[in-house]
Full PDB file with SEQRES, HELIX, SHEET, SSBOND, CRYST1, ORIGX, SCALE, CONECT and MASTER records, all heavy atoms in Angstrom:
SEQRES   1 A   39  SER VAL LYS GLY ARG PHE THR ILE SER ARG ASP GLY ALA          
SEQRES   2 A   39  LYS ASN THR ILE TYR LEU GLN MET ASN SER LEU LYS PRO          
SEQRES   3 A   39  GLU ASP THR ALA VAL TYR TYR CYS ALA ALA ASP ARG GLY          
HELIX    1 AA1 GLY A   12  LYS A   14  5                                   3    
HELIX    2 AA2 PRO A   26  ASP A   28  5                                   3    
SHEET    1 AA1 2 PHE A   6  ASP A  11  0                                        
SHEET    2 AA1 2 THR A  16  MET A  21 -1                                        
CRYST1    1.000    1.000    1.000  90.00  90.00  90.00 P 1           1          
ORIGX1      1.000000  0.000000  0.000000        0.00000                         
ORIGX2      0.000000  1.000000  0.000000        0.00000                         
ORIGX3      0.000000  0.000000  1.000000        0.00000                         
SCALE1      1.000000  0.000000  0.000000        0.00000                         
SCALE2      0.000000  1.000000  0.000000        0.00000                         
SCALE3      0.000000  0.000000  1.000000        0.00000                         
ATOM      1  N   SER A   1     -10.755  -5.649  -3.724  1.00  0.00           N  
ATOM      2  CA  SER A   1     -11.336  -4.335  -3.534  1.00  0.00           C  
ATOM      3  C   SER A   1     -10.441  -3.187  -4.002  1.00  0.00           C  
ATOM      4  O   SER A   1     -10.929  -2.083  -4.245  1.00  0.00           O  
ATOM      5  CB  SER A   1     -11.698  -4.127  -2.058  1.00  0.00           C  
ATOM      6  OG  SER A   1     -10.552  -4.256  -1.239  1.00  0.00           O  
ATOM      7  N   VAL A   2      -9.137  -3.442  -4.117  1.00  0.00           N  
ATOM      8  CA  VAL A   2      -8.207  -2.373  -4.485  1.00  0.00           C  
ATOM      9  C   VAL A   2      -7.466  -2.641  -5.784  1.00  0.00           C  
ATOM     10  O   VAL A   2      -6.771  -1.747  -6.291  1.00  0.00           O  
ATOM     11  CB  VAL A   2      -7.186  -2.101  -3.366  1.00  0.00           C  
ATOM     12  CG1 VAL A   2      -7.890  -1.830  -2.053  1.00  0.00           C  
ATOM     13  CG2 VAL A   2      -6.200  -3.263  -3.228  1.00  0.00           C  
ATOM     14  N   LYS A   3      -7.589  -3.831  -6.325  1.00  0.00           N  
ATOM     15  CA  LYS A   3      -6.858  -4.186  -7.537  1.00  0.00           C  
ATOM     16  C   LYS A   3      -7.219  -3.244  -8.681  1.00  0.00           C  
ATOM     17  O   LYS A   3      -8.385  -2.983  -8.944  1.00  0.00           O  
ATOM     18  CB  LYS A   3      -7.151  -5.634  -7.922  1.00  0.00           C  
ATOM     19  CG  LYS A   3      -6.216  -6.186  -8.984  1.00  0.00           C  
ATOM     20  CD  LYS A   3      -6.430  -7.677  -9.179  1.00  0.00           C  
ATOM     21  CE  LYS A   3      -5.415  -8.260 -10.142  1.00  0.00           C  
ATOM     22  NZ  LYS A   3      -5.594  -9.720 -10.307  1.00  0.00           N  
ATOM     23  N   GLY A   4      -6.200  -2.740  -9.345  1.00  0.00           N  
ATOM     24  CA  GLY A   4      -6.400  -1.792 -10.430  1.00  0.00           C  
ATOM     25  C   GLY A   4      -6.365  -0.346  -9.984  1.00  0.00           C  
ATOM     26  O   GLY A   4      -6.231   0.553 -10.824  1.00  0.00           O  
ATOM     27  N   ARG A   5      -6.495  -0.104  -8.692  1.00  0.00           N  
ATOM     28  CA  ARG A   5      -6.454   1.254  -8.152  1.00  0.00           C  
ATOM     29  C   ARG A   5      -5.220   1.512  -7.303  1.00  0.00           C  
ATOM     30  O   ARG A   5      -4.699   2.626  -7.293  1.00  0.00           O  
ATOM     31  CB  ARG A   5      -7.703   1.541  -7.313  1.00  0.00           C  
ATOM     32  CG  ARG A   5      -9.000   1.457  -8.088  1.00  0.00           C  
ATOM     33  CD  ARG A   5     -10.170   1.966  -7.242  1.00  0.00           C  
ATOM     34  NE  ARG A   5     -10.380   1.137  -6.050  1.00  0.00           N  
ATOM     35  CZ  ARG A   5     -10.326   1.584  -4.797  1.00  0.00           C  
ATOM     36  NH1 ARG A   5     -10.084   2.874  -4.566  1.00  0.00           N  
ATOM     37  NH2 ARG A   5     -10.543   0.769  -3.782  1.00  0.00           N  
ATOM     38  N   PHE A   6      -4.777   0.488  -6.586  1.00  0.00           N  
ATOM     39  CA  PHE A   6      -3.628   0.628  -5.685  1.00  0.00           C  
ATOM     40  C   PHE A   6      -2.421  -0.101  -6.265  1.00  0.00           C  
ATOM     41  O   PHE A   6      -2.562  -1.129  -6.935  1.00  0.00           O  
ATOM     42  CB  PHE A   6      -3.929   0.026  -4.310  1.00  0.00           C  
ATOM     43  CG  PHE A   6      -4.941   0.768  -3.489  1.00  0.00           C  
ATOM     44  CD1 PHE A   6      -5.708   1.793  -4.015  1.00  0.00           C  
ATOM     45  CD2 PHE A   6      -5.129   0.417  -2.157  1.00  0.00           C  
ATOM     46  CE1 PHE A   6      -6.644   2.473  -3.247  1.00  0.00           C  
ATOM     47  CE2 PHE A   6      -6.059   1.083  -1.378  1.00  0.00           C  
ATOM     48  CZ  PHE A   6      -6.814   2.105  -1.917  1.00  0.00           C  
ATOM     49  N   THR A   7      -1.247   0.408  -5.973  1.00  0.00           N  
ATOM     50  CA  THR A   7      -0.009  -0.225  -6.396  1.00  0.00           C  
ATOM     51  C   THR A   7       0.976  -0.266  -5.239  1.00  0.00           C  
ATOM     52  O   THR A   7       1.270   0.770  -4.634  1.00  0.00           O  
ATOM     53  CB  THR A   7       0.646   0.524  -7.569  1.00  0.00           C  
ATOM     54  OG1 THR A   7      -0.272   0.598  -8.664  1.00  0.00           O  
ATOM     55  CG2 THR A   7       1.910  -0.204  -8.028  1.00  0.00           C  
ATOM     56  N   ILE A   8       1.474  -1.456  -4.933  1.00  0.00           N  
ATOM     57  CA  ILE A   8       2.483  -1.605  -3.900  1.00  0.00           C  
ATOM     58  C   ILE A   8       3.856  -1.702  -4.563  1.00  0.00           C  
ATOM     59  O   ILE A   8       4.004  -2.320  -5.617  1.00  0.00           O  
ATOM     60  CB  ILE A   8       2.208  -2.841  -3.008  1.00  0.00           C  
ATOM     61  CG1 ILE A   8       3.175  -2.878  -1.821  1.00  0.00           C  
ATOM     62  CG2 ILE A   8       2.273  -4.134  -3.809  1.00  0.00           C  
ATOM     63  CD1 ILE A   8       2.816  -3.946  -0.784  1.00  0.00           C  
ATOM     64  N   SER A   9       4.847  -1.084  -3.949  1.00  0.00           N  
ATOM     65  CA  SER A   9       6.196  -1.136  -4.481  1.00  0.00           C  
ATOM     66  C   SER A   9       7.191  -1.055  -3.333  1.00  0.00           C  
ATOM     67  O   SER A   9       6.825  -0.721  -2.205  1.00  0.00           O  
ATOM     68  CB  SER A   9       6.438  -0.006  -5.488  1.00  0.00           C  
ATOM     69  OG  SER A   9       6.284   1.263  -4.875  1.00  0.00           O  
ATOM     70  N   ARG A  10       8.442  -1.370  -3.630  1.00  0.00           N  
ATOM     71  CA  ARG A  10       9.469  -1.261  -2.600  1.00  0.00           C  
ATOM     72  C   ARG A  10      10.752  -0.702  -3.180  1.00  0.00           C  
ATOM     73  O   ARG A  10      11.069  -0.883  -4.362  1.00  0.00           O  
ATOM     74  CB  ARG A  10       9.714  -2.616  -1.918  1.00  0.00           C  
ATOM     75  CG  ARG A  10      10.418  -3.661  -2.760  1.00  0.00           C  
ATOM     76  CD  ARG A  10      10.401  -5.020  -2.058  1.00  0.00           C  
ATOM     77  NE  ARG A  10      10.982  -4.974  -0.724  1.00  0.00           N  
ATOM     78  CZ  ARG A  10      10.756  -5.873   0.232  1.00  0.00           C  
ATOM     79  NH1 ARG A  10       9.936  -6.894  -0.006  1.00  0.00           N  
ATOM     80  NH2 ARG A  10      11.335  -5.750   1.422  1.00  0.00           N  
ATOM     81  N   ASP A  11      11.486  -0.013  -2.329  1.00  0.00           N  
ATOM     82  CA  ASP A  11      12.774   0.546  -2.686  1.00  0.00           C  
ATOM     83  C   ASP A  11      13.761   0.025  -1.657  1.00  0.00           C  
ATOM     84  O   ASP A  11      13.837   0.545  -0.544  1.00  0.00           O  
ATOM     85  CB  ASP A  11      12.725   2.068  -2.688  1.00  0.00           C  
ATOM     86  CG  ASP A  11      14.010   2.692  -3.188  1.00  0.00           C  
ATOM     87  OD1 ASP A  11      15.066   2.048  -3.128  1.00  0.00           O  
ATOM     88  OD2 ASP A  11      13.949   3.855  -3.647  1.00  0.00           O  
ATOM     89  N   GLY A  12      14.494  -1.012  -2.031  1.00  0.00           N  
ATOM     90  CA  GLY A  12      15.423  -1.632  -1.103  1.00  0.00           C  
ATOM     91  C   GLY A  12      16.513  -0.695  -0.624  1.00  0.00           C  
ATOM     92  O   GLY A  12      16.929  -0.758   0.532  1.00  0.00           O  
ATOM     93  N   ALA A  13      16.972   0.180  -1.504  1.00  0.00           N  
ATOM     94  CA  ALA A  13      18.029   1.110  -1.146  1.00  0.00           C  
ATOM     95  C   ALA A  13      17.591   2.066  -0.046  1.00  0.00           C  
ATOM     96  O   ALA A  13      18.410   2.524   0.757  1.00  0.00           O  
ATOM     97  CB  ALA A  13      18.492   1.889  -2.368  1.00  0.00           C  
ATOM     98  N   LYS A  14      16.309   2.382  -0.016  1.00  0.00           N  
ATOM     99  CA  LYS A  14      15.765   3.303   0.979  1.00  0.00           C  
ATOM    100  C   LYS A  14      15.072   2.588   2.138  1.00  0.00           C  
ATOM    101  O   LYS A  14      14.582   3.243   3.051  1.00  0.00           O  
ATOM    102  CB  LYS A  14      14.771   4.260   0.322  1.00  0.00           C  
ATOM    103  CG  LYS A  14      15.381   5.166  -0.727  1.00  0.00           C  
ATOM    104  CD  LYS A  14      14.332   6.084  -1.333  1.00  0.00           C  
ATOM    105  CE  LYS A  14      14.945   7.007  -2.372  1.00  0.00           C  
ATOM    106  NZ  LYS A  14      13.924   7.894  -2.988  1.00  0.00           N  
ATOM    107  N   ASN A  15      15.042   1.244   2.089  1.00  0.00           N  
ATOM    108  CA  ASN A  15      14.334   0.460   3.103  1.00  0.00           C  
ATOM    109  C   ASN A  15      12.907   0.966   3.293  1.00  0.00           C  
ATOM    110  O   ASN A  15      12.438   1.145   4.417  1.00  0.00           O  
ATOM    111  CB  ASN A  15      15.082   0.489   4.433  1.00  0.00           C  
ATOM    112  CG  ASN A  15      16.300  -0.402   4.429  1.00  0.00           C  
ATOM    113  OD1 ASN A  15      16.411  -1.328   3.621  1.00  0.00           O  
ATOM    114  ND2 ASN A  15      17.226  -0.140   5.339  1.00  0.00           N  
ATOM    115  N   THR A  16      12.229   1.159   2.192  1.00  0.00           N  
ATOM    116  CA  THR A  16      10.901   1.745   2.212  1.00  0.00           C  
ATOM    117  C   THR A  16       9.975   1.020   1.249  1.00  0.00           C  
ATOM    118  O   THR A  16      10.393   0.638   0.156  1.00  0.00           O  
ATOM    119  CB  THR A  16      10.957   3.235   1.833  1.00  0.00           C  
ATOM    120  OG1 THR A  16      11.806   3.927   2.756  1.00  0.00           O  
ATOM    121  CG2 THR A  16       9.577   3.868   1.866  1.00  0.00           C  
ATOM    122  N   ILE A  17       8.723   0.830   1.657  1.00  0.00           N  
ATOM    123  CA  ILE A  17       7.702   0.363   0.738  1.00  0.00           C  
ATOM    124  C   ILE A  17       6.639   1.443   0.616  1.00  0.00           C  
ATOM    125  O   ILE A  17       6.487   2.291   1.499  1.00  0.00           O  
ATOM    126  CB  ILE A  17       7.062  -0.975   1.154  1.00  0.00           C  
ATOM    127  CG1 ILE A  17       6.283  -0.838   2.468  1.00  0.00           C  
ATOM    128  CG2 ILE A  17       8.109  -2.068   1.238  1.00  0.00           C  
ATOM    129  CD1 ILE A  17       5.363  -2.026   2.718  1.00  0.00           C  
ATOM    130  N   TYR A  18       5.904   1.388  -0.486  1.00  0.00           N  
ATOM    131  CA  TYR A  18       4.912   2.407  -0.777  1.00  0.00           C  
ATOM    132  C   TYR A  18       3.584   1.756  -1.144  1.00  0.00           C  
ATOM    133  O   TYR A  18       3.529   0.623  -1.616  1.00  0.00           O  
ATOM    134  CB  TYR A  18       5.360   3.280  -1.946  1.00  0.00           C  
ATOM    135  CG  TYR A  18       6.706   3.921  -1.744  1.00  0.00           C  
ATOM    136  CD1 TYR A  18       7.866   3.318  -2.225  1.00  0.00           C  
ATOM    137  CD2 TYR A  18       6.823   5.135  -1.079  1.00  0.00           C  
ATOM    138  CE1 TYR A  18       9.104   3.904  -2.036  1.00  0.00           C  
ATOM    139  CE2 TYR A  18       8.059   5.725  -0.886  1.00  0.00           C  
ATOM    140  CZ  TYR A  18       9.191   5.112  -1.369  1.00  0.00           C  
ATOM    141  OH  TYR A  18      10.425   5.691  -1.185  1.00  0.00           O  
ATOM    142  N   LEU A  19       2.535   2.508  -0.942  1.00  0.00           N  
ATOM    143  CA  LEU A  19       1.227   2.128  -1.442  1.00  0.00           C  
ATOM    144  C   LEU A  19       0.646   3.343  -2.154  1.00  0.00           C  
ATOM    145  O   LEU A  19       0.229   4.309  -1.512  1.00  0.00           O  
ATOM    146  CB  LEU A  19       0.293   1.670  -0.319  1.00  0.00           C  
ATOM    147  CG  LEU A  19      -1.055   1.119  -0.782  1.00  0.00           C  
ATOM    148  CD1 LEU A  19      -0.862  -0.216  -1.516  1.00  0.00           C  
ATOM    149  CD2 LEU A  19      -2.004   0.939   0.405  1.00  0.00           C  
ATOM    150  N   GLN A  20       0.672   3.299  -3.476  1.00  0.00           N  
ATOM    151  CA  GLN A  20       0.071   4.357  -4.271  1.00  0.00           C  
ATOM    152  C   GLN A  20      -1.412   4.068  -4.398  1.00  0.00           C  
ATOM    153  O   GLN A  20      -1.798   3.018  -4.910  1.00  0.00           O  
ATOM    154  CB  GLN A  20       0.714   4.424  -5.654  1.00  0.00           C  
ATOM    155  CG  GLN A  20       0.115   5.481  -6.574  1.00  0.00           C  
ATOM    156  CD  GLN A  20       0.358   6.881  -6.093  1.00  0.00           C  
ATOM    157  OE1 GLN A  20       1.471   7.223  -5.702  1.00  0.00           O  
ATOM    158  NE2 GLN A  20      -0.678   7.706  -6.106  1.00  0.00           N  
ATOM    159  N   MET A  21      -2.241   4.983  -3.941  1.00  0.00           N  
ATOM    160  CA  MET A  21      -3.679   4.798  -3.927  1.00  0.00           C  
ATOM    161  C   MET A  21      -4.321   5.833  -4.842  1.00  0.00           C  
ATOM    162  O   MET A  21      -4.241   7.033  -4.580  1.00  0.00           O  
ATOM    163  CB  MET A  21      -4.236   4.928  -2.508  1.00  0.00           C  
ATOM    164  CG  MET A  21      -3.561   4.004  -1.506  1.00  0.00           C  
ATOM    165  SD  MET A  21      -4.324   4.082   0.130  1.00  0.00           S  
ATOM    166  CE  MET A  21      -3.922   5.765   0.581  1.00  0.00           C  
ATOM    167  N   ASN A  22      -4.951   5.367  -5.898  1.00  0.00           N  
ATOM    168  CA  ASN A  22      -5.632   6.235  -6.849  1.00  0.00           C  
ATOM    169  C   ASN A  22      -7.135   5.977  -6.819  1.00  0.00           C  
ATOM    170  O   ASN A  22      -7.587   4.942  -6.356  1.00  0.00           O  
ATOM    171  CB  ASN A  22      -5.102   6.001  -8.262  1.00  0.00           C  
ATOM    172  CG  ASN A  22      -3.645   6.326  -8.413  1.00  0.00           C  
ATOM    173  OD1 ASN A  22      -3.117   7.229  -7.761  1.00  0.00           O  
ATOM    174  ND2 ASN A  22      -2.963   5.602  -9.297  1.00  0.00           N  
ATOM    175  N   SER A  23      -7.890   6.920  -7.338  1.00  0.00           N  
ATOM    176  CA  SER A  23      -9.348   6.793  -7.420  1.00  0.00           C  
ATOM    177  C   SER A  23      -9.947   6.381  -6.082  1.00  0.00           C  
ATOM    178  O   SER A  23     -10.758   5.456  -5.994  1.00  0.00           O  
ATOM    179  CB  SER A  23      -9.732   5.784  -8.514  1.00  0.00           C  
ATOM    180  OG  SER A  23      -9.231   6.178  -9.774  1.00  0.00           O  
ATOM    181  N   LEU A  24      -9.561   7.069  -5.040  1.00  0.00           N  
ATOM    182  CA  LEU A  24      -9.994   6.704  -3.699  1.00  0.00           C  
ATOM    183  C   LEU A  24     -11.501   6.835  -3.533  1.00  0.00           C  
ATOM    184  O   LEU A  24     -12.125   7.737  -4.082  1.00  0.00           O  
ATOM    185  CB  LEU A  24      -9.275   7.562  -2.669  1.00  0.00           C  
ATOM    186  CG  LEU A  24      -7.830   7.139  -2.408  1.00  0.00           C  
ATOM    187  CD1 LEU A  24      -7.062   8.257  -1.719  1.00  0.00           C  
ATOM    188  CD2 LEU A  24      -7.800   5.871  -1.557  1.00  0.00           C  
ATOM    189  N   LYS A  25     -12.048   5.914  -2.764  1.00  0.00           N  
ATOM    190  CA  LYS A  25     -13.473   5.848  -2.487  1.00  0.00           C  
ATOM    191  C   LYS A  25     -13.715   5.991  -0.992  1.00  0.00           C  
ATOM    192  O   LYS A  25     -12.832   5.682  -0.193  1.00  0.00           O  
ATOM    193  CB  LYS A  25     -14.041   4.505  -2.959  1.00  0.00           C  
ATOM    194  CG  LYS A  25     -13.774   4.178  -4.415  1.00  0.00           C  
ATOM    195  CD  LYS A  25     -14.258   2.768  -4.740  1.00  0.00           C  
ATOM    196  CE  LYS A  25     -13.985   2.413  -6.186  1.00  0.00           C  
ATOM    197  NZ  LYS A  25     -14.433   1.028  -6.504  1.00  0.00           N  
ATOM    198  N   PRO A  26     -14.909   6.423  -0.588  1.00  0.00           N  
ATOM    199  CA  PRO A  26     -15.198   6.519   0.845  1.00  0.00           C  
ATOM    200  C   PRO A  26     -14.965   5.202   1.585  1.00  0.00           C  
ATOM    201  O   PRO A  26     -14.546   5.224   2.746  1.00  0.00           O  
ATOM    202  CB  PRO A  26     -16.676   6.919   0.873  1.00  0.00           C  
ATOM    203  CG  PRO A  26     -16.849   7.716  -0.376  1.00  0.00           C  
ATOM    204  CD  PRO A  26     -15.997   7.004  -1.395  1.00  0.00           C  
ATOM    205  N   GLU A  27     -15.214   4.077   0.941  1.00  0.00           N  
ATOM    206  CA  GLU A  27     -15.008   2.784   1.574  1.00  0.00           C  
ATOM    207  C   GLU A  27     -13.536   2.434   1.783  1.00  0.00           C  
ATOM    208  O   GLU A  27     -13.225   1.431   2.430  1.00  0.00           O  
ATOM    209  CB  GLU A  27     -15.706   1.658   0.790  1.00  0.00           C  
ATOM    210  CG  GLU A  27     -15.377   1.647  -0.689  1.00  0.00           C  
ATOM    211  CD  GLU A  27     -16.435   2.332  -1.534  1.00  0.00           C  
ATOM    212  OE1 GLU A  27     -16.876   3.430  -1.163  1.00  0.00           O  
ATOM    213  OE2 GLU A  27     -16.812   1.755  -2.576  1.00  0.00           O  
ATOM    214  N   ASP A  28     -12.629   3.248   1.257  1.00  0.00           N  
ATOM    215  CA  ASP A  28     -11.206   3.072   1.529  1.00  0.00           C  
ATOM    216  C   ASP A  28     -10.805   3.693   2.861  1.00  0.00           C  
ATOM    217  O   ASP A  28      -9.660   3.522   3.295  1.00  0.00           O  
ATOM    218  CB  ASP A  28     -10.359   3.691   0.418  1.00  0.00           C  
ATOM    219  CG  ASP A  28     -10.538   2.987  -0.919  1.00  0.00           C  
ATOM    220  OD1 ASP A  28     -10.606   1.741  -0.939  1.00  0.00           O  
ATOM    221  OD2 ASP A  28     -10.600   3.695  -1.950  1.00  0.00           O  
ATOM    222  N   THR A  29     -11.706   4.417   3.487  1.00  0.00           N  
ATOM    223  CA  THR A  29     -11.416   5.057   4.764  1.00  0.00           C  
ATOM    224  C   THR A  29     -11.055   4.011   5.813  1.00  0.00           C  
ATOM    225  O   THR A  29     -11.821   3.083   6.068  1.00  0.00           O  
ATOM    226  CB  THR A  29     -12.619   5.883   5.243  1.00  0.00           C  
ATOM    227  OG1 THR A  29     -12.843   6.963   4.329  1.00  0.00           O  
ATOM    228  CG2 THR A  29     -12.373   6.451   6.636  1.00  0.00           C  
ATOM    229  N   ALA A  30      -9.886   4.165   6.409  1.00  0.00           N  
ATOM    230  CA  ALA A  30      -9.395   3.194   7.389  1.00  0.00           C  
ATOM    231  C   ALA A  30      -8.054   3.651   7.923  1.00  0.00           C  
ATOM    232  O   ALA A  30      -7.438   4.570   7.386  1.00  0.00           O  
ATOM    233  CB  ALA A  30      -9.244   1.810   6.749  1.00  0.00           C  
ATOM    234  N   VAL A  31      -7.609   2.985   8.968  1.00  0.00           N  
ATOM    235  CA  VAL A  31      -6.223   3.100   9.389  1.00  0.00           C  
ATOM    236  C   VAL A  31      -5.435   2.069   8.594  1.00  0.00           C  
ATOM    237  O   VAL A  31      -5.794   0.892   8.570  1.00  0.00           O  
ATOM    238  CB  VAL A  31      -6.051   2.851  10.898  1.00  0.00           C  
ATOM    239  CG1 VAL A  31      -4.577   2.877  11.283  1.00  0.00           C  
ATOM    240  CG2 VAL A  31      -6.823   3.898  11.692  1.00  0.00           C  
ATOM    241  N   TYR A  32      -4.384   2.512   7.944  1.00  0.00           N  
ATOM    242  CA  TYR A  32      -3.561   1.639   7.119  1.00  0.00           C  
ATOM    243  C   TYR A  32      -2.290   1.256   7.859  1.00  0.00           C  
ATOM    244  O   TYR A  32      -1.584   2.124   8.386  1.00  0.00           O  
ATOM    245  CB  TYR A  32      -3.218   2.323   5.793  1.00  0.00           C  
ATOM    246  CG  TYR A  32      -4.371   2.316   4.827  1.00  0.00           C  
ATOM    247  CD1 TYR A  32      -5.494   3.108   5.053  1.00  0.00           C  
ATOM    248  CD2 TYR A  32      -4.357   1.502   3.695  1.00  0.00           C  
ATOM    249  CE1 TYR A  32      -6.572   3.083   4.180  1.00  0.00           C  
ATOM    250  CE2 TYR A  32      -5.427   1.482   2.819  1.00  0.00           C  
ATOM    251  CZ  TYR A  32      -6.532   2.273   3.061  1.00  0.00           C  
ATOM    252  OH  TYR A  32      -7.598   2.246   2.188  1.00  0.00           O  
ATOM    253  N   TYR A  33      -2.015  -0.041   7.882  1.00  0.00           N  
ATOM    254  CA  TYR A  33      -0.871  -0.576   8.600  1.00  0.00           C  
ATOM    255  C   TYR A  33       0.119  -1.236   7.656  1.00  0.00           C  
ATOM    256  O   TYR A  33      -0.267  -1.981   6.760  1.00  0.00           O  
ATOM    257  CB  TYR A  33      -1.316  -1.624   9.620  1.00  0.00           C  
ATOM    258  CG  TYR A  33      -2.198  -1.095  10.721  1.00  0.00           C  
ATOM    259  CD1 TYR A  33      -3.579  -1.102  10.591  1.00  0.00           C  
ATOM    260  CD2 TYR A  33      -1.646  -0.597  11.897  1.00  0.00           C  
ATOM    261  CE1 TYR A  33      -4.399  -0.620  11.600  1.00  0.00           C  
ATOM    262  CE2 TYR A  33      -2.454  -0.114  12.908  1.00  0.00           C  
ATOM    263  CZ  TYR A  33      -3.830  -0.131  12.754  1.00  0.00           C  
ATOM    264  OH  TYR A  33      -4.632   0.342  13.765  1.00  0.00           O  
ATOM    265  N   CYS A  34       1.372  -0.985   7.894  1.00  0.00           N  
ATOM    266  CA  CYS A  34       2.455  -1.664   7.211  1.00  0.00           C  
ATOM    267  C   CYS A  34       2.871  -2.871   8.047  1.00  0.00           C  
ATOM    268  O   CYS A  34       2.873  -2.809   9.280  1.00  0.00           O  
ATOM    269  CB  CYS A  34       3.627  -0.701   7.040  1.00  0.00           C  
ATOM    270  SG  CYS A  34       5.106  -1.399   6.291  1.00  0.00           S  
ATOM    271  N   ALA A  35       3.210  -3.974   7.392  1.00  0.00           N  
ATOM    272  CA  ALA A  35       3.605  -5.183   8.100  1.00  0.00           C  
ATOM    273  C   ALA A  35       4.759  -5.877   7.394  1.00  0.00           C  
ATOM    274  O   ALA A  35       4.923  -5.753   6.176  1.00  0.00           O  
ATOM    275  CB  ALA A  35       2.415  -6.140   8.212  1.00  0.00           C  
ATOM    276  N   ALA A  36       5.548  -6.619   8.166  1.00  0.00           N  
ATOM    277  CA  ALA A  36       6.686  -7.367   7.638  1.00  0.00           C  
ATOM    278  C   ALA A  36       6.674  -8.773   8.204  1.00  0.00           C  
ATOM    279  O   ALA A  36       6.296  -8.983   9.353  1.00  0.00           O  
ATOM    280  CB  ALA A  36       7.995  -6.666   7.990  1.00  0.00           C  
ATOM    281  N   ASP A  37       7.104  -9.735   7.390  1.00  0.00           N  
ATOM    282  CA  ASP A  37       7.114 -11.125   7.813  1.00  0.00           C  
ATOM    283  C   ASP A  37       8.395 -11.821   7.389  1.00  0.00           C  
ATOM    284  O   ASP A  37       8.890 -11.585   6.284  1.00  0.00           O  
ATOM    285  CB  ASP A  37       5.901 -11.858   7.226  1.00  0.00           C  
ATOM    286  CG  ASP A  37       5.658 -13.197   7.884  1.00  0.00           C  
ATOM    287  OD1 ASP A  37       5.108 -13.216   8.993  1.00  0.00           O  
ATOM    288  OD2 ASP A  37       6.021 -14.225   7.275  1.00  0.00           O  
ATOM    289  N   ARG A  38       8.906 -12.686   8.260  1.00  0.00           N  
ATOM    290  CA  ARG A  38      10.160 -13.397   8.002  1.00  0.00           C  
ATOM    291  C   ARG A  38      10.018 -14.541   7.015  1.00  0.00           C  
ATOM    292  O   ARG A  38      11.006 -14.990   6.439  1.00  0.00           O  
ATOM    293  CB  ARG A  38      10.714 -13.961   9.313  1.00  0.00           C  
ATOM    294  CG  ARG A  38      11.099 -12.917  10.340  1.00  0.00           C  
ATOM    295  CD  ARG A  38      11.427 -13.581  11.662  1.00  0.00           C  
ATOM    296  NE  ARG A  38      10.268 -14.244  12.224  1.00  0.00           N  
ATOM    297  CZ  ARG A  38      10.282 -14.997  13.321  1.00  0.00           C  
ATOM    298  NH1 ARG A  38      11.425 -15.182  13.969  1.00  0.00           N  
ATOM    299  NH2 ARG A  38       9.181 -15.555  13.769  1.00  0.00           N  
ATOM    300  N   GLY A  39       8.809 -15.028   6.843  1.00  0.00           N  
ATOM    301  CA  GLY A  39       8.591 -16.189   6.001  1.00  0.00           C  
ATOM    302  C   GLY A  39       8.823 -15.905   4.529  1.00  0.00           C  
ATOM    303  O   GLY A  39       8.729 -14.759   4.081  1.00  0.00           O  
TER     304      GLY A  39                                                      
MASTER        0    0    0    2    2    0    0    6  303    1    0    3          
END                                                                             
């Protein structure tokens, strides 16, 4: 649903990840959660 519009990236030096969201649609409306996993 988001491929080609959204881009995920990370900056290890800043301990930060990003989600660049372009061409947003009404169906993108939601609460967005960041998650981390040890695996």
